[in-house]
Amino acid sequence: GISDPTGAMYIRILEAEGKVEFTRLVGRSKMFRLKK
């Protein structure tokens, strides 16, 4: 299950990607506001 190294790595990768997507969305919203 989650105790497996591969499972832990997979979860970490998903979390990292989620954080990247969130920062991208925040950056886009900030840029959009600046353009306005």
Protein backbone atom coordinates (compact mmCIF):
# COMPACT_ATOMS: atom_id res chain seq x y z
CA GLY A 1 0.00 0.00 0.00
CA ILE A 2 1.21 3.48 0.88
CA SER A 3 4.11 1.97 2.88
CA ASP A 4 5.73 1.01 -0.45
CA PRO A 5 8.54 3.38 -1.56
CA THR A 6 7.01 3.59 -5.05
CA GLY A 7 3.62 4.50 -3.58
CA ALA A 8 5.15 7.22 -1.39
CA MET A 9 7.08 8.62 -4.36
CA TYR A 10 3.92 8.59 -6.49
CA ILE A 11 2.00 10.53 -3.82
CA ARG A 12 4.86 13.01 -3.46
CA ILE A 13 4.93 13.55 -7.22
CA LEU A 14 1.16 14.14 -7.27
CA GLU A 15 1.45 16.62 -4.40
CA ALA A 16 4.34 18.40 -6.13
CA GLU A 17 2.40 18.64 -9.40
CA GLY A 18 -0.66 19.93 -7.54
CA LYS A 19 1.43 22.63 -5.88
CA VAL A 20 2.94 23.62 -9.23
CA GLU A 21 -0.51 23.86 -10.82
CA PHE A 22 -1.75 25.97 -7.90
CA THR A 23 1.20 28.36 -8.12
CA ARG A 24 0.66 28.62 -11.90
CA LEU A 25 -3.01 29.51 -11.41
CA VAL A 26 -2.12 32.11 -8.77
CA GLY A 27 0.58 33.56 -11.05
CA ARG A 28 -1.87 33.78 -13.96
CA SER A 29 -4.50 35.52 -11.84
CA LYS A 30 -1.88 38.04 -10.65
CA MET A 31 -0.67 38.68 -14.20
CA PHE A 32 -4.27 39.07 -15.38
CA ARG A 33 -4.90 41.67 -12.68
CA LEU A 34 -1.73 43.54 -13.64
CA LYS A 35 -2.81 43.57 -17.31
CA LYS A 36 -6.16 45.06 -16.30
